Amino acid sequence: MFTLTYVYRDSTAVLGPLATYAEPHCYDLCAEHSERLTAPMGWELVRLPVEEETEPSADDLEALADAVREAARPAPGTGHEPVGQGTEVGRRGHLRILRSEPAATQPGQE
């Protein structure tokens, strides 16, 4: 996987390693499409060196699984409901509109 970034001010397209976070004017490409990539007429294409992909180790996969579990766990005392809770109240294309369920009140709270 590679990330293509357009630098409009410099009329430059930069193809480099997969970005770790999203930015405007960045697009992720598979290896096949990155090999066939050409820049728009009048633009320069810069290809940054990319390390060869290696298979993830068991430690890498375990760390990823732990991070996903941690992110899915609600923070204690925040009052936020877990992701995926709510009632669907509308739909537009493939997007759903969800309304949160009212929080249950604890005895003595009103």
N, C-alpha and C. Protein backbone atom coordinates (compact mmCIF):
# COMPACT_ATOMS: atom_id res chain seq x y z
N MET A 1 0.83 -1.17 0.00
CA MET A 1 0.00 0.00 0.00
C MET A 1 0.89 1.25 0.00
N PHE A 2 0.39 2.27 -0.69
CA PHE A 2 1.12 3.52 -0.82
C PHE A 2 0.14 4.67 -0.61
N THR A 3 0.67 5.84 -0.33
CA THR A 3 -0.15 7.04 -0.21
C THR A 3 0.30 8.06 -1.25
N LEU A 4 -0.67 8.57 -2.00
CA LEU A 4 -0.43 9.60 -3.00
C LEU A 4 -0.87 10.93 -2.40
N THR A 5 0.01 11.90 -2.44
CA THR A 5 -0.30 13.23 -1.91
C THR A 5 -0.08 14.26 -3.01
N TYR A 6 -1.08 15.11 -3.20
CA TYR A 6 -0.95 16.20 -4.17
C TYR A 6 -0.53 17.47 -3.44
N VAL A 7 0.51 18.12 -3.95
CA VAL A 7 0.95 19.41 -3.42
C VAL A 7 0.64 20.42 -4.52
N TYR A 8 -0.55 20.98 -4.45
CA TYR A 8 -1.04 21.84 -5.52
C TYR A 8 -0.15 23.06 -5.74
N ARG A 9 0.34 23.65 -4.66
CA ARG A 9 1.17 24.85 -4.77
C ARG A 9 2.40 24.62 -5.62
N ASP A 10 2.97 23.40 -5.54
CA ASP A 10 4.20 23.08 -6.27
C ASP A 10 3.95 22.25 -7.53
N SER A 11 2.68 21.98 -7.85
CA SER A 11 2.34 21.12 -8.99
C SER A 11 3.13 19.81 -8.93
N THR A 12 3.07 19.18 -7.76
CA THR A 12 3.82 17.96 -7.51
C THR A 12 2.90 16.90 -6.92
N ALA A 13 3.07 15.67 -7.38
CA ALA A 13 2.40 14.51 -6.79
C ALA A 13 3.48 13.66 -6.14
N VAL A 14 3.27 13.30 -4.87
CA VAL A 14 4.27 12.53 -4.13
C VAL A 14 3.67 11.17 -3.79
N LEU A 15 4.38 10.11 -4.17
CA LEU A 15 3.96 8.75 -3.87
C LEU A 15 4.95 8.17 -2.88
N GLY A 16 4.45 7.79 -1.71
CA GLY A 16 5.34 7.29 -0.67
C GLY A 16 4.70 6.20 0.15
N PRO A 17 5.30 5.88 1.29
CA PRO A 17 4.77 4.83 2.15
C PRO A 17 3.36 5.17 2.64
N LEU A 18 2.61 4.16 3.02
CA LEU A 18 1.26 4.34 3.51
C LEU A 18 1.25 5.28 4.70
N ALA A 19 0.42 6.31 4.63
CA ALA A 19 0.33 7.30 5.70
C ALA A 19 -0.32 6.69 6.93
N THR A 20 0.07 7.16 8.10
CA THR A 20 -0.50 6.63 9.34
C THR A 20 -1.73 7.40 9.79
N TYR A 21 -2.02 8.54 9.15
CA TYR A 21 -3.23 9.30 9.47
C TYR A 21 -3.71 10.01 8.21
N ALA A 22 -4.99 10.34 8.20
CA ALA A 22 -5.60 10.95 7.01
C ALA A 22 -5.29 12.44 6.94
N GLU A 23 -5.04 12.91 5.75
CA GLU A 23 -4.82 14.33 5.49
C GLU A 23 -5.57 14.71 4.22
N PRO A 24 -5.92 15.99 4.08
CA PRO A 24 -6.54 16.40 2.83
C PRO A 24 -5.58 16.18 1.65
N HIS A 25 -6.12 15.88 0.51
CA HIS A 25 -5.35 15.70 -0.72
C HIS A 25 -4.47 14.46 -0.68
N CYS A 26 -4.78 13.47 0.17
CA CYS A 26 -4.03 12.22 0.24
C CYS A 26 -4.96 11.06 -0.14
N TYR A 27 -4.42 10.13 -0.90
CA TYR A 27 -5.20 8.99 -1.37
C TYR A 27 -4.35 7.73 -1.26
N ASP A 28 -4.90 6.67 -0.70
CA ASP A 28 -4.19 5.40 -0.57
C ASP A 28 -4.35 4.59 -1.84
N LEU A 29 -3.26 3.98 -2.30
CA LEU A 29 -3.26 3.19 -3.52
C LEU A 29 -2.66 1.82 -3.26
N CYS A 30 -3.16 0.82 -3.98
CA CYS A 30 -2.56 -0.52 -3.91
C CYS A 30 -1.28 -0.50 -4.76
N ALA A 31 -0.50 -1.57 -4.66
CA ALA A 31 0.77 -1.65 -5.38
C ALA A 31 0.57 -1.58 -6.89
N GLU A 32 -0.46 -2.27 -7.39
CA GLU A 32 -0.69 -2.28 -8.83
C GLU A 32 -0.97 -0.88 -9.37
N HIS A 33 -1.82 -0.14 -8.69
CA HIS A 33 -2.15 1.21 -9.17
C HIS A 33 -0.99 2.18 -8.96
N SER A 34 -0.21 1.99 -7.92
CA SER A 34 0.92 2.90 -7.69
C SER A 34 1.99 2.73 -8.77
N GLU A 35 2.14 1.51 -9.30
CA GLU A 35 3.12 1.28 -10.36
C GLU A 35 2.73 1.96 -11.66
N ARG A 36 1.41 2.03 -11.93
CA ARG A 36 0.92 2.61 -13.19
C ARG A 36 0.66 4.11 -13.08
N LEU A 37 0.87 4.69 -11.92
CA LEU A 37 0.54 6.09 -11.68
C LEU A 37 1.36 7.04 -12.54
N THR A 38 0.70 8.02 -13.12
CA THR A 38 1.37 9.11 -13.82
C THR A 38 0.82 10.42 -13.26
N ALA A 39 1.63 11.46 -13.32
CA ALA A 39 1.21 12.77 -12.82
C ALA A 39 0.47 13.52 -13.92
N PRO A 40 -0.39 14.46 -13.54
CA PRO A 40 -1.06 15.29 -14.54
C PRO A 40 -0.04 16.04 -15.39
N MET A 41 -0.43 16.39 -16.59
CA MET A 41 0.47 17.10 -17.50
C MET A 41 0.96 18.40 -16.84
N GLY A 42 2.25 18.60 -16.88
CA GLY A 42 2.85 19.79 -16.29
C GLY A 42 3.22 19.61 -14.82
N TRP A 43 2.91 18.46 -14.26
CA TRP A 43 3.23 18.18 -12.86
C TRP A 43 4.43 17.27 -12.77
N GLU A 44 5.08 17.29 -11.62
CA GLU A 44 6.20 16.39 -11.34
C GLU A 44 5.71 15.27 -10.42
N LEU A 45 6.15 14.04 -10.67
CA LEU A 45 5.82 12.92 -9.80
C LEU A 45 7.08 12.52 -9.04
N VAL A 46 7.01 12.56 -7.72
CA VAL A 46 8.13 12.18 -6.86
C VAL A 46 7.77 10.86 -6.20
N ARG A 47 8.62 9.85 -6.39
CA ARG A 47 8.41 8.55 -5.75
C ARG A 47 9.41 8.40 -4.61
N LEU A 48 8.90 8.36 -3.39
CA LEU A 48 9.75 8.18 -2.22
C LEU A 48 10.07 6.71 -2.04
N PRO A 49 11.25 6.38 -1.52
CA PRO A 49 11.58 4.97 -1.30
C PRO A 49 10.66 4.37 -0.24
N VAL A 50 10.24 3.13 -0.50
CA VAL A 50 9.34 2.43 0.41
C VAL A 50 9.99 1.13 0.82
N GLU A 51 9.95 0.85 2.12
CA GLU A 51 10.51 -0.41 2.61
C GLU A 51 9.65 -1.56 2.11
N GLU A 52 10.29 -2.69 1.84
CA GLU A 52 9.55 -3.86 1.41
C GLU A 52 8.64 -4.33 2.54
N GLU A 53 7.44 -4.81 2.17
CA GLU A 53 6.50 -5.30 3.17
C GLU A 53 7.00 -6.60 3.75
N THR A 54 6.83 -6.73 5.05
CA THR A 54 7.17 -7.97 5.73
C THR A 54 5.92 -8.48 6.43
N GLU A 55 5.89 -9.75 6.69
CA GLU A 55 4.76 -10.34 7.39
C GLU A 55 4.76 -9.83 8.83
N PRO A 56 3.58 -9.47 9.37
CA PRO A 56 3.54 -9.02 10.76
C PRO A 56 3.87 -10.18 11.69
N SER A 57 4.56 -9.87 12.76
CA SER A 57 4.91 -10.90 13.75
C SER A 57 3.71 -11.14 14.66
N ALA A 58 3.79 -12.20 15.44
CA ALA A 58 2.72 -12.50 16.40
C ALA A 58 2.58 -11.36 17.40
N ASP A 59 3.70 -10.74 17.78
CA ASP A 59 3.66 -9.61 18.71
C ASP A 59 2.92 -8.42 18.09
N ASP A 60 3.15 -8.17 16.80
CA ASP A 60 2.46 -7.07 16.12
C ASP A 60 0.96 -7.31 16.10
N LEU A 61 0.55 -8.52 15.77
CA LEU A 61 -0.87 -8.85 15.71
C LEU A 61 -1.53 -8.78 17.08
N GLU A 62 -0.82 -9.24 18.11
CA GLU A 62 -1.36 -9.18 19.46
C GLU A 62 -1.49 -7.73 19.92
N ALA A 63 -0.52 -6.90 19.61
CA ALA A 63 -0.58 -5.48 19.98
C ALA A 63 -1.74 -4.79 19.28
N LEU A 64 -1.97 -5.13 18.01
CA LEU A 64 -3.09 -4.57 17.27
C LEU A 64 -4.41 -4.99 17.89
N ALA A 65 -4.56 -6.27 18.22
CA ALA A 65 -5.79 -6.77 18.84
C ALA A 65 -6.03 -6.08 20.18
N ASP A 66 -4.98 -5.91 20.98
CA ASP A 66 -5.12 -5.22 22.27
C ASP A 66 -5.57 -3.77 22.07
N ALA A 67 -5.02 -3.09 21.08
CA ALA A 67 -5.40 -1.70 20.82
C ALA A 67 -6.86 -1.59 20.39
N VAL A 68 -7.32 -2.54 19.56
CA VAL A 68 -8.72 -2.53 19.13
C VAL A 68 -9.64 -2.77 20.32
N ARG A 69 -9.30 -3.74 21.16
CA ARG A 69 -10.12 -4.01 22.35
C ARG A 69 -10.18 -2.78 23.26
N GLU A 70 -9.05 -2.14 23.47
CA GLU A 70 -8.99 -0.96 24.33
C GLU A 70 -9.83 0.19 23.77
N ALA A 71 -9.76 0.40 22.46
CA ALA A 71 -10.52 1.48 21.84
C ALA A 71 -12.02 1.23 21.92
N ALA A 72 -12.44 -0.02 21.92
CA ALA A 72 -13.86 -0.37 21.96
C ALA A 72 -14.43 -0.29 23.37
N ARG A 73 -13.57 -0.30 24.37
CA ARG A 73 -14.01 -0.26 25.76
C ARG A 73 -14.39 1.17 26.14
N PRO A 74 -15.62 1.41 26.66
CA PRO A 74 -15.99 2.78 27.05
C PRO A 74 -15.15 3.24 28.24
N ALA A 75 -14.84 4.52 28.25
CA ALA A 75 -14.07 5.09 29.35
C ALA A 75 -14.94 5.11 30.60
N PRO A 76 -14.41 4.69 31.75
CA PRO A 76 -15.22 4.64 32.97
C PRO A 76 -15.63 6.04 33.41
N GLY A 77 -16.91 6.16 33.79
CA GLY A 77 -17.41 7.42 34.35
C GLY A 77 -17.68 8.51 33.34
N THR A 78 -17.55 8.24 32.04
CA THR A 78 -17.77 9.30 31.05
C THR A 78 -19.24 9.44 30.71
N GLY A 79 -20.02 8.39 30.95
CA GLY A 79 -21.43 8.46 30.60
C GLY A 79 -21.69 8.25 29.13
N HIS A 80 -20.65 8.03 28.34
CA HIS A 80 -20.84 7.80 26.91
C HIS A 80 -21.26 6.36 26.70
N GLU A 81 -22.17 6.17 25.78
CA GLU A 81 -22.59 4.81 25.46
C GLU A 81 -21.59 4.17 24.51
N PRO A 82 -21.50 2.85 24.52
CA PRO A 82 -20.58 2.18 23.62
C PRO A 82 -20.96 2.42 22.16
N VAL A 83 -19.98 2.31 21.27
CA VAL A 83 -20.23 2.47 19.84
C VAL A 83 -21.24 1.42 19.41
N GLY A 84 -22.19 1.82 18.54
CA GLY A 84 -23.16 0.87 18.02
C GLY A 84 -24.47 0.87 18.77
N GLN A 85 -24.59 1.64 19.85
CA GLN A 85 -25.83 1.70 20.61
C GLN A 85 -26.67 2.85 20.08
N GLY A 86 -27.96 2.68 19.98
CA GLY A 86 -28.85 3.74 19.52
C GLY A 86 -29.96 3.17 18.66
N THR A 87 -30.91 4.03 18.32
CA THR A 87 -32.05 3.64 17.53
C THR A 87 -31.98 4.33 16.18
N GLU A 88 -32.17 3.56 15.11
CA GLU A 88 -32.15 4.14 13.77
C GLU A 88 -33.43 4.94 13.57
N VAL A 89 -33.27 6.22 13.18
CA VAL A 89 -34.42 7.09 12.97
C VAL A 89 -34.53 7.58 11.54
N GLY A 90 -33.55 7.25 10.72
CA GLY A 90 -33.60 7.67 9.33
C GLY A 90 -32.46 7.05 8.55
N ARG A 91 -32.55 7.21 7.22
CA ARG A 91 -31.53 6.63 6.36
C ARG A 91 -31.40 7.51 5.12
N ARG A 92 -30.18 7.70 4.66
CA ARG A 92 -29.93 8.42 3.41
C ARG A 92 -28.83 7.68 2.68
N GLY A 93 -29.21 6.98 1.62
CA GLY A 93 -28.25 6.15 0.91
C GLY A 93 -27.75 5.06 1.83
N HIS A 94 -26.44 4.93 1.96
CA HIS A 94 -25.86 3.91 2.83
C HIS A 94 -25.62 4.41 4.25
N LEU A 95 -25.96 5.66 4.54
CA LEU A 95 -25.75 6.24 5.87
C LEU A 95 -27.01 6.10 6.71
N ARG A 96 -26.82 5.85 8.00
CA ARG A 96 -27.95 5.74 8.91
C ARG A 96 -27.89 6.88 9.92
N ILE A 97 -29.05 7.38 10.31
CA ILE A 97 -29.15 8.40 11.35
C ILE A 97 -29.56 7.68 12.63
N LEU A 98 -28.75 7.80 13.68
CA LEU A 98 -29.02 7.14 14.94
C LEU A 98 -29.32 8.16 16.02
N ARG A 99 -30.26 7.84 16.87
CA ARG A 99 -30.55 8.68 18.04
C ARG A 99 -30.16 7.86 19.26
N SER A 100 -29.41 8.47 20.15
CA SER A 100 -28.99 7.80 21.37
C SER A 100 -30.18 7.52 22.26
N GLU A 101 -30.12 6.41 22.93
CA GLU A 101 -31.15 6.08 23.92
C GLU A 101 -30.91 6.95 25.15
N PRO A 102 -31.97 7.42 25.79
CA PRO A 102 -31.76 8.24 26.99
C PRO A 102 -31.05 7.40 28.05
N ALA A 103 -30.14 8.04 28.74
CA ALA A 103 -29.39 7.35 29.80
C ALA A 103 -30.33 7.03 30.96
N ALA A 104 -30.16 5.84 31.52
CA ALA A 104 -30.97 5.45 32.67
C ALA A 104 -30.51 6.29 33.86
N THR A 105 -31.47 6.82 34.61
CA THR A 105 -31.11 7.63 35.78
C THR A 105 -30.89 6.74 36.97
N GLN A 106 -29.93 7.09 37.78
CA GLN A 106 -29.62 6.36 38.99
C GLN A 106 -30.57 6.82 40.08
N PRO A 107 -30.88 5.96 41.03
CA PRO A 107 -31.73 6.39 42.16
C PRO A 107 -31.12 7.61 42.85
N GLY A 108 -31.95 8.60 43.10
CA GLY A 108 -31.48 9.82 43.76
C GLY A 108 -31.03 10.88 42.78
N GLN A 109 -31.02 10.58 41.45
CA GLN A 109 -30.64 11.56 40.42
C GLN A 109 -31.88 11.93 39.65
N GLU A 110 -32.15 13.20 39.50
CA GLU A 110 -33.27 13.64 38.68
C GLU A 110 -32.99 14.96 38.07
